[in-house]
Protein backbone atom coordinates (compact mmCIF):
# COMPACT_ATOMS: atom_id res chain seq x y z
CA UNK A 1 0.00 0.00 0.00
CA UNK A 2 1.13 3.41 -0.85
CA UNK A 3 1.10 6.14 1.75
CA UNK A 4 -1.06 9.20 1.23
CA UNK A 5 0.63 12.47 0.45
CA UNK A 6 0.73 14.90 3.39
CA UNK A 7 -1.95 17.54 3.44
CA UNK A 8 -1.02 20.99 2.16
CA UNK A 9 0.44 23.15 4.89
CA UNK A 10 2.90 20.65 6.29
CA UNK A 11 0.52 17.94 7.44
CA UNK A 12 0.90 18.80 11.15
CA UNK A 13 -1.83 17.78 13.51
CA UNK A 14 -3.53 20.48 15.53
CA UNK A 15 -3.31 20.01 19.25
CA UNK A 16 -6.20 20.61 21.54
CA UNK A 17 -5.60 23.36 24.03
CA UNK A 18 -5.92 22.39 27.63
CA UNK A 19 -8.60 24.30 29.45
CA UNK A 20 -7.29 25.87 32.61
CA UNK A 21 -9.32 26.46 35.69
CA UNK A 22 -9.24 30.12 36.58
CA UNK A 23 -10.36 29.88 40.18
CA UNK A 24 -8.83 31.87 42.98
CA UNK A 25 -7.44 30.23 46.05
CA UNK A 26 -9.24 32.73 48.24
CA UNK A 27 -12.52 31.19 47.17
CA UNK A 28 -11.70 28.09 49.17
CA UNK A 29 -10.61 30.25 52.10
CA UNK A 30 -13.99 31.97 52.22
CA UNK A 31 -15.67 28.62 52.82
CA UNK A 32 -13.64 28.17 55.99
CA UNK A 33 -15.19 30.41 58.62
CA UNK A 34 -12.08 30.37 60.84
CA UNK A 35 -9.87 32.42 58.50
CA UNK A 36 -9.74 36.20 58.83
CA UNK A 37 -6.85 38.22 57.45
CA UNK A 38 -6.83 41.94 58.19
CA UNK A 39 -3.12 42.66 57.73
CA UNK A 40 -2.51 46.00 56.05
CA UNK A 41 -6.13 47.06 56.02
CA UNK A 42 -7.63 49.56 58.37
CA UNK A 43 -11.10 48.76 59.55
CA UNK A 44 -13.02 52.00 59.73
CA UNK A 45 -16.04 52.17 61.94
CA UNK A 46 -18.82 54.38 60.72
CA UNK A 47 -19.76 56.56 63.68
CA UNK A 48 -21.52 59.11 61.50
CA UNK A 49 -24.95 60.17 62.69
CA UNK A 50 -27.89 59.11 60.56
CA UNK A 51 -28.90 61.71 58.01
CA UNK A 52 -32.30 63.20 58.63
CA UNK A 53 -32.71 64.08 54.96
CA UNK A 54 -31.21 66.28 52.29
CA UNK A 55 -29.56 69.39 53.67
CA UNK A 56 -31.34 72.60 52.78
CA UNK A 57 -29.23 75.09 50.84
CA UNK A 58 -27.84 77.77 53.11
CA UNK A 59 -28.78 81.31 52.21
CA UNK A 60 -27.20 84.59 53.17
CA UNK A 61 -28.78 88.02 53.31
CA UNK A 62 -27.13 90.91 51.47
CA UNK A 63 -28.11 94.55 51.50
CA UNK A 64 -27.65 96.47 48.26
CA UNK A 65 -25.25 99.40 48.71
CA UNK A 66 -27.15 101.50 46.17
CA UNK A 67 -30.83 101.22 47.16
CA UNK A 68 -30.70 99.37 50.50
CA UNK A 69 -32.91 96.45 49.40
CA UNK A 70 -32.35 93.13 51.19
CA UNK A 71 -31.51 90.19 48.93
CA UNK A 72 -31.36 86.51 49.87
CA UNK A 73 -28.83 84.54 47.85
CA UNK A 74 -27.47 81.00 48.15
CA UNK A 75 -24.25 80.78 50.14
CA UNK A 76 -21.41 81.29 47.64
CA UNK A 77 -18.81 78.57 47.17
CA UNK A 78 -16.06 81.01 46.27
CA UNK A 79 -14.48 83.77 48.30
CA UNK A 80 -15.08 86.35 45.55
CA UNK A 81 -18.59 86.68 44.14
CA UNK A 82 -21.04 89.17 42.62
CA UNK A 83 -24.59 89.94 43.77
CA UNK A 84 -27.07 91.60 41.46
CA UNK A 85 -29.83 93.57 43.18
CA UNK A 86 -33.29 92.03 42.78
CA UNK A 87 -34.98 95.45 42.74
CA UNK A 88 -36.03 96.06 39.10
CA UNK A 89 -35.41 99.83 39.41
CA UNK A 90 -31.88 99.38 40.79
CA UNK A 91 -30.09 96.51 39.01
CA UNK A 92 -26.82 97.36 40.83
CA UNK A 93 -24.10 94.68 40.99
CA UNK A 94 -22.08 94.42 44.19
CA UNK A 95 -18.71 92.67 44.07
CA UNK A 96 -17.91 91.00 47.38
CA UNK A 97 -14.74 89.39 48.66
CA UNK A 98 -12.52 91.76 46.69
CA UNK A 99 -9.65 93.07 48.81
PDB file of N, CA and C in Angstrom:
ATOM      1  N   UNK A   1       0.809  -1.189   0.000  1.00  0.00           N
ATOM      2  CA  UNK A   1       0.000   0.000   0.000  1.00  0.00           C
ATOM      3  C   UNK A   1       0.851   1.251   0.000  1.00  0.00           C
ATOM      4  N   UNK A   2       0.405   2.152  -0.755  1.00  0.00           N
ATOM      5  CA  UNK A   2       1.133   3.415  -0.848  1.00  0.00           C
ATOM      6  C   UNK A   2       0.596   4.386   0.206  1.00  0.00           C
ATOM      7  N   UNK A   3       1.522   5.128   0.746  1.00  0.00           N
ATOM      8  CA  UNK A   3       1.104   6.136   1.745  1.00  0.00           C
ATOM      9  C   UNK A   3       0.498   7.333   1.049  1.00  0.00           C
ATOM     10  N   UNK A   4      -0.445   7.982   1.784  1.00  0.00           N
ATOM     11  CA  UNK A   4      -1.060   9.195   1.234  1.00  0.00           C
ATOM     12  C   UNK A   4      -0.085  10.351   1.334  1.00  0.00           C
ATOM     13  N   UNK A   5      -0.206  11.271   0.419  1.00  0.00           N
ATOM     14  CA  UNK A   5       0.629  12.471   0.453  1.00  0.00           C
ATOM     15  C   UNK A   5       0.186  13.355   1.617  1.00  0.00           C
ATOM     16  N   UNK A   6       1.121  14.029   2.268  1.00  0.00           N
ATOM     17  CA  UNK A   6       0.732  14.898   3.387  1.00  0.00           C
ATOM     18  C   UNK A   6      -0.169  16.031   2.906  1.00  0.00           C
ATOM     19  N   UNK A   7      -1.025  16.456   3.777  1.00  0.00           N
ATOM     20  CA  UNK A   7      -1.954  17.541   3.443  1.00  0.00           C
ATOM     21  C   UNK A   7      -1.178  18.832   3.216  1.00  0.00           C
ATOM     22  N   UNK A   8      -1.723  19.713   2.390  1.00  0.00           N
ATOM     23  CA  UNK A   8      -1.021  20.986   2.164  1.00  0.00           C
ATOM     24  C   UNK A   8      -0.900  21.764   3.475  1.00  0.00           C
ATOM     25  N   UNK A   9       0.223  22.393   3.659  1.00  0.00           N
ATOM     26  CA  UNK A   9       0.440  23.146   4.887  1.00  0.00           C
ATOM     27  C   UNK A   9       1.305  22.386   5.859  1.00  0.00           C
ATOM     28  N   UNK A  10       1.955  21.331   5.431  1.00  0.00           N
ATOM     29  CA  UNK A  10       2.897  20.652   6.291  1.00  0.00           C
ATOM     30  C   UNK A  10       2.378  19.377   6.893  1.00  0.00           C
ATOM     31  N   UNK A  11       1.081  19.170   6.920  1.00  0.00           N
ATOM     32  CA  UNK A  11       0.523  17.943   7.435  1.00  0.00           C
ATOM     33  C   UNK A  11       0.659  17.785   8.940  1.00  0.00           C
ATOM     34  N   UNK A  12       0.783  18.889   9.700  1.00  0.00           N
ATOM     35  CA  UNK A  12       0.901  18.796  11.147  1.00  0.00           C
ATOM     36  C   UNK A  12      -0.477  18.685  11.764  1.00  0.00           C
ATOM     37  N   UNK A  13      -0.562  17.919  12.808  1.00  0.00           N
ATOM     38  CA  UNK A  13      -1.830  17.776  13.506  1.00  0.00           C
ATOM     39  C   UNK A  13      -2.009  18.939  14.476  1.00  0.00           C
ATOM     40  N   UNK A  14      -3.242  19.413  14.575  1.00  0.00           N
ATOM     41  CA  UNK A  14      -3.533  20.476  15.532  1.00  0.00           C
ATOM     42  C   UNK A  14      -3.738  19.866  16.898  1.00  0.00           C
ATOM     43  N   UNK A  15      -3.157  20.494  17.885  1.00  0.00           N
ATOM     44  CA  UNK A  15      -3.308  20.007  19.249  1.00  0.00           C
ATOM     45  C   UNK A  15      -4.456  20.720  19.926  1.00  0.00           C
ATOM     46  N   UNK A  16      -5.128  19.996  20.753  1.00  0.00           N
ATOM     47  CA  UNK A  16      -6.197  20.610  21.539  1.00  0.00           C
ATOM     48  C   UNK A  16      -5.563  21.396  22.674  1.00  0.00           C
ATOM     49  N   UNK A  17      -6.101  22.569  22.916  1.00  0.00           N
ATOM     50  CA  UNK A  17      -5.600  23.362  24.029  1.00  0.00           C
ATOM     51  C   UNK A  17      -6.218  22.859  25.317  1.00  0.00           C
ATOM     52  N   UNK A  18      -5.411  22.802  26.335  1.00  0.00           N
ATOM     53  CA  UNK A  18      -5.922  22.390  27.633  1.00  0.00           C
ATOM     54  C   UNK A  18      -6.675  23.546  28.259  1.00  0.00           C
ATOM     55  N   UNK A  19      -7.834  23.271  28.769  1.00  0.00           N
ATOM     56  CA  UNK A  19      -8.602  24.304  29.447  1.00  0.00           C
ATOM     57  C   UNK A  19      -8.095  24.420  30.874  1.00  0.00           C
ATOM     58  N   UNK A  20      -7.804  25.646  31.271  1.00  0.00           N
ATOM     59  CA  UNK A  20      -7.288  25.869  32.610  1.00  0.00           C
ATOM     60  C   UNK A  20      -8.407  26.375  33.509  1.00  0.00           C
ATOM     61  N   UNK A  21      -8.351  25.965  34.728  1.00  0.00           N
ATOM     62  CA  UNK A  21      -9.324  26.457  35.686  1.00  0.00           C
ATOM     63  C   UNK A  21      -8.822  27.785  36.238  1.00  0.00           C
ATOM     64  N   UNK A  22      -9.635  28.799  36.119  1.00  0.00           N
ATOM     65  CA  UNK A  22      -9.243  30.121  36.577  1.00  0.00           C
ATOM     66  C   UNK A  22      -9.948  30.449  37.889  1.00  0.00           C
ATOM     67  N   UNK A  23      -9.748  29.635  38.878  1.00  0.00           N
ATOM     68  CA  UNK A  23     -10.355  29.884  40.180  1.00  0.00           C
ATOM     69  C   UNK A  23      -9.308  30.463  41.101  1.00  0.00           C
ATOM     70  N   UNK A  24      -9.739  31.260  42.014  1.00  0.00           N
ATOM     71  CA  UNK A  24      -8.833  31.866  42.977  1.00  0.00           C
ATOM     72  C   UNK A  24      -8.755  31.009  44.227  1.00  0.00           C
ATOM     73  N   UNK A  25      -7.602  31.020  44.849  1.00  0.00           N
ATOM     74  CA  UNK A  25      -7.437  30.235  46.053  1.00  0.00           C
ATOM     75  C   UNK A  25      -8.232  30.816  47.203  1.00  0.00           C
ATOM     76  N   UNK A  26      -8.500  32.096  47.153  1.00  0.00           N
ATOM     77  CA  UNK A  26      -9.244  32.731  48.243  1.00  0.00           C
ATOM     78  C   UNK A  26     -10.688  32.232  48.286  1.00  0.00           C
ATOM     79  N   UNK A  27     -11.160  31.706  47.177  1.00  0.00           N
ATOM     80  CA  UNK A  27     -12.522  31.187  47.166  1.00  0.00           C
ATOM     81  C   UNK A  27     -12.660  30.046  48.172  1.00  0.00           C
ATOM     82  N   UNK A  28     -11.644  29.191  48.223  1.00  0.00           N
ATOM     83  CA  UNK A  28     -11.698  28.086  49.175  1.00  0.00           C
ATOM     84  C   UNK A  28     -11.508  28.593  50.598  1.00  0.00           C
ATOM     85  N   UNK A  29     -10.811  29.699  50.770  1.00  0.00           N
ATOM     86  CA  UNK A  29     -10.614  30.248  52.101  1.00  0.00           C
ATOM     87  C   UNK A  29     -11.895  30.850  52.653  1.00  0.00           C
ATOM     88  N   UNK A  30     -12.738  31.372  51.767  1.00  0.00           N
ATOM     89  CA  UNK A  30     -13.993  31.970  52.216  1.00  0.00           C
ATOM     90  C   UNK A  30     -14.930  30.916  52.794  1.00  0.00           C
ATOM     91  N   UNK A  31     -14.808  29.689  52.310  1.00  0.00           N
ATOM     92  CA  UNK A  31     -15.669  28.623  52.818  1.00  0.00           C
ATOM     93  C   UNK A  31     -15.334  28.314  54.270  1.00  0.00           C
ATOM     94  N   UNK A  32     -14.047  28.414  54.609  1.00  0.00           N
ATOM     95  CA  UNK A  32     -13.642  28.174  55.990  1.00  0.00           C
ATOM     96  C   UNK A  32     -13.976  29.415  56.817  1.00  0.00           C
ATOM     97  N   UNK A  33     -14.765  29.252  57.831  1.00  0.00           N
ATOM     98  CA  UNK A  33     -15.193  30.409  58.621  1.00  0.00           C
ATOM     99  C   UNK A  33     -14.113  30.863  59.596  1.00  0.00           C
ATOM    100  N   UNK A  34     -13.087  30.049  59.854  1.00  0.00           N
ATOM    101  CA  UNK A  34     -12.081  30.374  60.843  1.00  0.00           C
ATOM    102  C   UNK A  34     -11.001  31.319  60.343  1.00  0.00           C
ATOM    103  N   UNK A  35     -10.942  31.603  59.050  1.00  0.00           N
ATOM    104  CA  UNK A  35      -9.869  32.425  58.503  1.00  0.00           C
ATOM    105  C   UNK A  35     -10.295  33.879  58.421  1.00  0.00           C
ATOM    106  N   UNK A  36      -9.482  34.762  58.994  1.00  0.00           N
ATOM    107  CA  UNK A  36      -9.737  36.199  58.831  1.00  0.00           C
ATOM    108  C   UNK A  36      -8.393  36.902  58.779  1.00  0.00           C
ATOM    109  N   UNK A  37      -8.115  37.543  57.661  1.00  0.00           N
ATOM    110  CA  UNK A  37      -6.846  38.222  57.454  1.00  0.00           C
ATOM    111  C   UNK A  37      -7.109  39.704  57.318  1.00  0.00           C
ATOM    112  N   UNK A  38      -6.625  40.488  58.243  1.00  0.00           N
ATOM    113  CA  UNK A  38      -6.831  41.940  58.188  1.00  0.00           C
ATOM    114  C   UNK A  38      -5.521  42.687  58.161  1.00  0.00           C
ATOM    115  N   UNK A  39      -4.430  42.033  57.734  1.00  0.00           N
ATOM    116  CA  UNK A  39      -3.125  42.664  57.729  1.00  0.00           C
ATOM    117  C   UNK A  39      -3.073  43.727  56.644  1.00  0.00           C
ATOM    118  N   UNK A  40      -2.661  44.926  57.015  1.00  0.00           N
ATOM    119  CA  UNK A  40      -2.507  46.001  56.046  1.00  0.00           C
ATOM    120  C   UNK A  40      -3.779  46.751  55.723  1.00  0.00           C
ATOM    121  N   UNK A  41      -4.872  46.376  56.295  1.00  0.00           N
ATOM    122  CA  UNK A  41      -6.127  47.060  56.015  1.00  0.00           C
ATOM    123  C   UNK A  41      -6.652  47.676  57.298  1.00  0.00           C
ATOM    124  N   UNK A  42      -7.043  48.923  57.199  1.00  0.00           N
ATOM    125  CA  UNK A  42      -7.631  49.563  58.372  1.00  0.00           C
ATOM    126  C   UNK A  42      -9.131  49.319  58.332  1.00  0.00           C
ATOM    127  N   UNK A  43      -9.664  49.015  59.470  1.00  0.00           N
ATOM    128  CA  UNK A  43     -11.096  48.760  59.545  1.00  0.00           C
ATOM    129  C   UNK A  43     -11.760  49.983  60.153  1.00  0.00           C
ATOM    130  N   UNK A  44     -12.390  50.758  59.293  1.00  0.00           N
ATOM    131  CA  UNK A  44     -13.019  52.003  59.732  1.00  0.00           C
ATOM    132  C   UNK A  44     -14.413  51.713  60.251  1.00  0.00           C
ATOM    133  N   UNK A  45     -14.699  52.309  61.374  1.00  0.00           N
ATOM    134  CA  UNK A  45     -16.039  52.171  61.938  1.00  0.00           C
ATOM    135  C   UNK A  45     -16.823  53.424  61.570  1.00  0.00           C
ATOM    136  N   UNK A  46     -18.018  53.227  61.114  1.00  0.00           N
ATOM    137  CA  UNK A  46     -18.822  54.383  60.723  1.00  0.00           C
ATOM    138  C   UNK A  46     -19.600  54.876  61.946  1.00  0.00           C
ATOM    139  N   UNK A  47     -19.100  55.942  62.532  1.00  0.00           N
ATOM    140  CA  UNK A  47     -19.758  56.562  63.677  1.00  0.00           C
ATOM    141  C   UNK A  47     -20.498  57.827  63.262  1.00  0.00           C
ATOM    142  N   UNK A  48     -20.833  57.916  61.982  1.00  0.00           N
ATOM    143  CA  UNK A  48     -21.517  59.112  61.504  1.00  0.00           C
ATOM    144  C   UNK A  48     -22.980  59.048  61.915  1.00  0.00           C
ATOM    145  N   UNK A  49     -23.537  60.172  62.326  1.00  0.00           N
ATOM    146  CA  UNK A  49     -24.951  60.173  62.693  1.00  0.00           C
ATOM    147  C   UNK A  49     -25.826  59.955  61.458  1.00  0.00           C
ATOM    148  N   UNK A  50     -26.974  59.391  61.675  1.00  0.00           N
ATOM    149  CA  UNK A  50     -27.892  59.113  60.559  1.00  0.00           C
ATOM    150  C   UNK A  50     -28.405  60.433  59.985  1.00  0.00           C
ATOM    151  N   UNK A  51     -28.412  60.499  58.667  1.00  0.00           N
ATOM    152  CA  UNK A  51     -28.899  61.710  58.013  1.00  0.00           C
ATOM    153  C   UNK A  51     -30.407  61.805  58.168  1.00  0.00           C
ATOM    154  N   UNK A  52     -30.859  62.999  58.480  1.00  0.00           N
ATOM    155  CA  UNK A  52     -32.296  63.204  58.627  1.00  0.00           C
ATOM    156  C   UNK A  52     -32.953  63.506  57.293  1.00  0.00           C
ATOM    157  N   UNK A  53     -32.170  63.791  56.282  1.00  0.00           N
ATOM    158  CA  UNK A  53     -32.708  64.079  54.964  1.00  0.00           C
ATOM    159  C   UNK A  53     -31.740  64.960  54.213  1.00  0.00           C
ATOM    160  N   UNK A  54     -32.116  65.416  53.036  1.00  0.00           N
ATOM    161  CA  UNK A  54     -31.213  66.283  52.286  1.00  0.00           C
ATOM    162  C   UNK A  54     -31.051  67.630  52.988  1.00  0.00           C
ATOM    163  N   UNK A  55     -29.826  68.118  53.017  1.00  0.00           N
ATOM    164  CA  UNK A  55     -29.556  69.395  53.670  1.00  0.00           C
ATOM    165  C   UNK A  55     -30.127  70.527  52.825  1.00  0.00           C
ATOM    166  N   UNK A  56     -30.778  71.458  53.490  1.00  0.00           N
ATOM    167  CA  UNK A  56     -31.338  72.603  52.778  1.00  0.00           C
ATOM    168  C   UNK A  56     -30.198  73.530  52.385  1.00  0.00           C
ATOM    169  N   UNK A  57     -30.296  74.178  51.230  1.00  0.00           N
ATOM    170  CA  UNK A  57     -29.230  75.093  50.835  1.00  0.00           C
ATOM    171  C   UNK A  57     -29.178  76.287  51.787  1.00  0.00           C
ATOM    172  N   UNK A  58     -27.993  76.637  52.212  1.00  0.00           N
ATOM    173  CA  UNK A  58     -27.844  77.768  53.112  1.00  0.00           C
ATOM    174  C   UNK A  58     -27.951  79.050  52.311  1.00  0.00           C
ATOM    175  N   UNK A  59     -28.619  80.021  52.866  1.00  0.00           N
ATOM    176  CA  UNK A  59     -28.779  81.310  52.205  1.00  0.00           C
ATOM    177  C   UNK A  59     -28.178  82.395  53.088  1.00  0.00           C
ATOM    178  N   UNK A  60     -27.686  83.432  52.441  1.00  0.00           N
ATOM    179  CA  UNK A  60     -27.196  84.594  53.174  1.00  0.00           C
ATOM    180  C   UNK A  60     -28.004  85.802  52.735  1.00  0.00           C
ATOM    181  N   UNK A  61     -28.063  86.779  53.613  1.00  0.00           N
ATOM    182  CA  UNK A  61     -28.779  88.019  53.306  1.00  0.00           C
ATOM    183  C   UNK A  61     -27.767  89.094  52.977  1.00  0.00           C
ATOM    184  N   UNK A  62     -28.030  89.841  51.911  1.00  0.00           N
ATOM    185  CA  UNK A  62     -27.129  90.909  51.470  1.00  0.00           C
ATOM    186  C   UNK A  62     -27.953  92.173  51.232  1.00  0.00           C
ATOM    187  N   UNK A  63     -27.431  93.275  51.708  1.00  0.00           N
ATOM    188  CA  UNK A  63     -28.112  94.552  51.495  1.00  0.00           C
ATOM    189  C   UNK A  63     -27.406  95.299  50.385  1.00  0.00           C
ATOM    190  N   UNK A  64     -28.187  95.741  49.405  1.00  0.00           N
ATOM    191  CA  UNK A  64     -27.651  96.474  48.262  1.00  0.00           C
ATOM    192  C   UNK A  64     -27.070  97.800  48.756  1.00  0.00           C
ATOM    193  N   UNK A  65     -25.878  98.154  48.284  1.00  0.00           N
ATOM    194  CA  UNK A  65     -25.246  99.399  48.708  1.00  0.00           C
ATOM    195  C   UNK A  65     -25.846 100.605  48.005  1.00  0.00           C
ATOM    196  N   UNK A  66     -26.589 100.378  46.925  1.00  0.00           N
ATOM    197  CA  UNK A  66     -27.147 101.496  46.165  1.00  0.00           C
ATOM    198  C   UNK A  66     -28.535 101.878  46.682  1.00  0.00           C
ATOM    199  N   UNK A  67     -29.454 100.893  46.791  1.00  0.00           N
ATOM    200  CA  UNK A  67     -30.834 101.221  47.156  1.00  0.00           C
ATOM    201  C   UNK A  67     -31.222 100.725  48.544  1.00  0.00           C
ATOM    202  N   UNK A  68     -30.416  99.848  49.144  1.00  0.00           N
ATOM    203  CA  UNK A  68     -30.702  99.372  50.496  1.00  0.00           C
ATOM    204  C   UNK A  68     -31.653  98.181  50.544  1.00  0.00           C
ATOM    205  N   UNK A  69     -32.007  97.599  49.417  1.00  0.00           N
ATOM    206  CA  UNK A  69     -32.912  96.448  49.396  1.00  0.00           C
ATOM    207  C   UNK A  69     -32.176  95.213  49.914  1.00  0.00           C
ATOM    208  N   UNK A  70     -32.938  94.363  50.652  1.00  0.00           N
ATOM    209  CA  UNK A  70     -32.352  93.135  51.188  1.00  0.00           C
ATOM    210  C   UNK A  70     -32.542  92.010  50.168  1.00  0.00           C
ATOM    211  N   UNK A  71     -31.483  91.299  49.884  1.00  0.00           N
ATOM    212  CA  UNK A  71     -31.508  90.193  48.926  1.00  0.00           C
ATOM    213  C   UNK A  71     -31.072  88.921  49.639  1.00  0.00           C
ATOM    214  N   UNK A  72     -31.769  87.817  49.365  1.00  0.00           N
ATOM    215  CA  UNK A  72     -31.361  86.510  49.868  1.00  0.00           C
ATOM    216  C   UNK A  72     -30.751  85.734  48.711  1.00  0.00           C
ATOM    217  N   UNK A  73     -29.519  85.283  48.905  1.00  0.00           N
ATOM    218  CA  UNK A  73     -28.828  84.545  47.854  1.00  0.00           C
ATOM    219  C   UNK A  73     -28.279  83.255  48.452  1.00  0.00           C
ATOM    220  N   UNK A  74     -28.094  82.212  47.635  1.00  0.00           N
ATOM    221  CA  UNK A  74     -27.465  80.995  48.153  1.00  0.00           C
ATOM    222  C   UNK A  74     -26.035  81.291  48.596  1.00  0.00           C
ATOM    223  N   UNK A  75     -25.591  80.561  49.616  1.00  0.00           N
ATOM    224  CA  UNK A  75     -24.252  80.777  50.138  1.00  0.00           C
ATOM    225  C   UNK A  75     -23.237  80.498  49.037  1.00  0.00           C
ATOM    226  N   UNK A  76     -22.369  81.474  48.727  1.00  0.00           N
ATOM    227  CA  UNK A  76     -21.407  81.288  47.635  1.00  0.00           C
ATOM    228  C   UNK A  76     -20.335  80.275  47.995  1.00  0.00           C
ATOM    229  N   UNK A  77     -19.854  79.564  46.979  1.00  0.00           N
ATOM    230  CA  UNK A  77     -18.812  78.568  47.173  1.00  0.00           C
ATOM    231  C   UNK A  77     -17.427  79.181  47.045  1.00  0.00           C
ATOM    232  N   UNK A  78     -17.342  80.344  46.467  1.00  0.00           N
ATOM    233  CA  UNK A  78     -16.055  81.005  46.268  1.00  0.00           C
ATOM    234  C   UNK A  78     -15.926  82.162  47.244  1.00  0.00           C
ATOM    235  N   UNK A  79     -14.694  82.640  47.397  1.00  0.00           N
ATOM    236  CA  UNK A  79     -14.477  83.771  48.296  1.00  0.00           C
ATOM    237  C   UNK A  79     -14.828  85.093  47.617  1.00  0.00           C
ATOM    238  N   UNK A  80     -14.717  85.135  46.296  1.00  0.00           N
ATOM    239  CA  UNK A  80     -15.081  86.351  45.552  1.00  0.00           C
ATOM    240  C   UNK A  80     -16.334  86.049  44.731  1.00  0.00           C
ATOM    241  N   UNK A  81     -17.355  86.903  44.869  1.00  0.00           N
ATOM    242  CA  UNK A  81     -18.593  86.685  44.136  1.00  0.00           C
ATOM    243  C   UNK A  81     -19.298  88.011  43.888  1.00  0.00           C
ATOM    244  N   UNK A  82     -20.261  87.984  42.984  1.00  0.00           N
ATOM    245  CA  UNK A  82     -21.042  89.171  42.624  1.00  0.00           C
ATOM    246  C   UNK A  82     -22.498  88.925  42.975  1.00  0.00           C
ATOM    247  N   UNK A  83     -23.162  89.996  43.448  1.00  0.00           N
ATOM    248  CA  UNK A  83     -24.586  89.938  43.774  1.00  0.00           C
ATOM    249  C   UNK A  83     -25.292  91.035  43.004  1.00  0.00           C
ATOM    250  N   UNK A  84     -26.285  90.628  42.216  1.00  0.00           N
ATOM    251  CA  UNK A  84     -27.069  91.603  41.462  1.00  0.00           C
ATOM    252  C   UNK A  84     -28.336  91.899  42.253  1.00  0.00           C
ATOM    253  N   UNK A  85     -28.663  93.167  42.401  1.00  0.00           N
ATOM    254  CA  UNK A  85     -29.832  93.574  43.184  1.00  0.00           C
ATOM    255  C   UNK A  85     -31.109  93.092  42.500  1.00  0.00           C
ATOM    256  N   UNK A  86     -32.036  92.564  43.311  1.00  0.00           N
ATOM    257  CA  UNK A  86     -33.285  92.025  42.777  1.00  0.00           C
ATOM    258  C   UNK A  86     -34.302  93.119  42.493  1.00  0.00           C
ATOM    259  N   UNK A  87     -34.059  94.337  42.975  1.00  0.00           N
ATOM    260  CA  UNK A  87     -34.982  95.448  42.739  1.00  0.00           C
ATOM    261  C   UNK A  87     -34.925  95.822  41.253  1.00  0.00           C
ATOM    262  N   UNK A  88     -36.070  95.788  40.546  1.00  0.00           N
ATOM    263  CA  UNK A  88     -36.035  96.064  39.103  1.00  0.00           C
ATOM    264  C   UNK A  88     -35.594  97.490  38.770  1.00  0.00           C
ATOM    265  N   UNK A  89     -35.805  98.444  39.677  1.00  0.00           N
ATOM    266  CA  UNK A  89     -35.406  99.826  39.406  1.00  0.00           C
ATOM    267  C   UNK A  89     -33.907 100.039  39.616  1.00  0.00           C
ATOM    268  N   UNK A  90     -33.299  99.191  40.437  1.00  0.00           N
ATOM    269  CA  UNK A  90     -31.883  99.382  40.788  1.00  0.00           C
ATOM    270  C   UNK A  90     -30.966  98.636  39.813  1.00  0.00           C
ATOM    271  N   UNK A  91     -30.932  97.307  39.900  1.00  0.00           N
ATOM    272  CA  UNK A  91     -30.088  96.508  39.011  1.00  0.00           C
ATOM    273  C   UNK A  91     -28.598  96.656  39.299  1.00  0.00           C
ATOM    274  N   UNK A  92     -28.227  97.166  40.471  1.00  0.00           N
ATOM    275  CA  UNK A  92     -26.823  97.362  40.825  1.00  0.00           C
ATOM    276  C   UNK A  92     -26.139  96.020  41.100  1.00  0.00           C
ATOM    277  N   UNK A  93     -24.868  95.914  40.765  1.00  0.00           N
ATOM    278  CA  UNK A  93     -24.105  94.679  40.987  1.00  0.00           C
ATOM    279  C   UNK A  93     -23.024  94.974  42.018  1.00  0.00           C
ATOM    280  N   UNK A  94     -23.101  94.291  43.154  1.00  0.00           N
ATOM    281  CA  UNK A  94     -22.079  94.422  44.190  1.00  0.00           C
ATOM    282  C   UNK A  94     -21.068  93.301  44.030  1.00  0.00           C
ATOM    283  N   UNK A  95     -19.783  93.658  44.104  1.00  0.00           N
ATOM    284  CA  UNK A  95     -18.713  92.669  44.074  1.00  0.00           C
ATOM    285  C   UNK A  95     -18.215  92.493  45.495  1.00  0.00           C
ATOM    286  N   UNK A  96     -18.286  91.277  46.009  1.00  0.00           N
ATOM    287  CA  UNK A  96     -17.909  91.005  47.381  1.00  0.00           C
ATOM    288  C   UNK A  96     -16.685  90.109  47.417  1.00  0.00           C
ATOM    289  N   UNK A  97     -15.931  90.211  48.486  1.00  0.00           N
ATOM    290  CA  UNK A  97     -14.745  89.391  48.662  1.00  0.00           C
ATOM    291  C   UNK A  97     -13.527  89.964  47.975  1.00  0.00           C
ATOM    292  N   UNK A  98     -13.634  91.136  47.354  1.00  0.00           N
ATOM    293  CA  UNK A  98     -12.519  91.764  46.690  1.00  0.00           C
ATOM    294  C   UNK A  98     -11.757  92.582  47.714  1.00  0.00           C
ATOM    295  N   UNK A  99     -10.448  92.353  47.803  1.00  0.00           N
ATOM    296  CA  UNK A  99      -9.654  93.068  48.813  1.00  0.00           C
ATOM    297  C   UNK A  99      -9.075  94.308  48.236  1.00  0.00           C
TER     298      UNK A  99
END
